[in-house]
Amino acid sequence: MNELLTYIVQSLVDKPDEVSVTERKADGETIFEVRVADGDMGKVIGRQGRIVKEIRVLMKAVAQRKGKKVSVEIVD
């Protein structure tokens, strides 16, 4: 799932080499922290947060099929 999220975010930004996704566990849930270059933050979030919302929906759908819980956070 980490690879899927990395691929999605790298497809959206101008500087795909600066994308990093870290994974941590908390309370039985996997939290993915996404870091991008400063200029690419808006491309990942989108207008009114629409793009990041859809990324979260997609990741939760994939996780649900595997019986897991995930969340995606965009980190400065």
Protein backbone atom coordinates (compact mmCIF):
# COMPACT_ATOMS: atom_id res chain seq x y z
CA MET A 1 0.00 0.00 0.00
CA ASN A 2 2.95 2.29 0.61
CA GLU A 3 4.02 1.81 -3.00
CA LEU A 4 0.52 2.62 -4.28
CA LEU A 5 0.35 5.85 -2.29
CA THR A 6 3.84 6.86 -3.39
CA TYR A 7 2.95 6.22 -7.03
CA ILE A 8 -0.25 8.28 -6.79
CA VAL A 9 1.44 11.26 -5.15
CA GLN A 10 4.46 11.16 -7.48
CA SER A 11 2.07 11.26 -10.45
CA LEU A 12 0.54 14.50 -9.17
CA VAL A 13 3.61 16.61 -8.34
CA ASP A 14 6.29 18.45 -10.34
CA LYS A 15 9.17 17.07 -8.22
CA PRO A 16 8.49 13.36 -7.76
CA ASP A 17 11.98 12.74 -6.35
CA GLU A 18 11.12 14.79 -3.27
CA VAL A 19 8.07 12.70 -2.33
CA SER A 20 8.48 10.59 0.79
CA VAL A 21 5.88 8.38 2.44
CA THR A 22 6.49 7.07 5.94
CA GLU A 23 4.37 4.49 7.65
CA ARG A 24 3.63 4.24 11.36
CA LYS A 25 1.25 2.21 13.46
CA ALA A 26 -1.02 3.63 16.15
CA ASP A 27 -3.99 1.99 17.90
CA GLY A 28 -4.30 -0.79 15.33
CA GLU A 29 -4.29 1.68 12.46
CA THR A 30 -1.60 2.36 9.88
CA ILE A 31 -0.90 6.05 9.34
CA PHE A 32 0.84 7.14 6.15
CA GLU A 33 2.64 10.49 6.40
CA VAL A 34 3.23 12.11 3.01
CA ARG A 35 5.89 14.78 2.52
CA VAL A 36 6.31 16.73 -0.73
CA ALA A 37 8.27 19.77 -1.91
CA ASP A 38 6.86 23.13 -0.77
CA GLY A 39 5.64 24.09 -4.23
CA ASP A 40 3.84 20.77 -4.71
CA MET A 41 1.74 20.91 -1.54
CA GLY A 42 -1.20 22.54 -3.32
CA LYS A 43 -1.21 19.93 -6.07
CA VAL A 44 -1.58 17.12 -3.55
CA ILE A 45 -4.24 18.88 -1.47
CA GLY A 46 -6.23 20.33 -4.37
CA ARG A 47 -8.98 22.93 -4.29
CA GLN A 48 -10.88 22.72 -1.03
CA GLY A 49 -8.99 19.51 -0.24
CA ARG A 50 -10.68 17.48 -2.96
CA ILE A 51 -7.61 15.62 -4.22
CA VAL A 52 -6.34 14.57 -0.80
CA LYS A 53 -9.88 13.53 0.12
CA GLU A 54 -10.04 11.23 -2.90
CA ILE A 55 -6.59 9.81 -2.11
CA ARG A 56 -7.85 9.01 1.39
CA VAL A 57 -11.00 7.36 0.02
CA LEU A 58 -8.95 5.23 -2.36
CA MET A 59 -6.47 4.14 0.32
CA LYS A 60 -9.28 3.28 2.76
CA ALA A 61 -11.00 1.20 0.09
CA VAL A 62 -7.81 -0.76 -0.59
CA ALA A 63 -7.20 -1.23 3.13
CA GLN A 64 -10.74 -2.40 3.75
CA ARG A 65 -10.34 -5.16 1.19
CA LYS A 66 -7.30 -6.32 3.17
CA GLY A 67 -9.06 -6.00 6.52
CA LYS A 68 -6.93 -3.09 7.74
CA LYS A 69 -7.49 0.50 8.83
CA VAL A 70 -5.43 3.31 7.35
CA SER A 71 -5.29 7.08 7.27
CA VAL A 72 -3.28 9.48 5.15
CA GLU A 73 -1.75 12.69 6.50
CA ILE A 74 -0.03 15.41 4.51
CA VAL A 75 2.91 16.71 6.56
CA ASP A 76 4.74 20.02 6.11
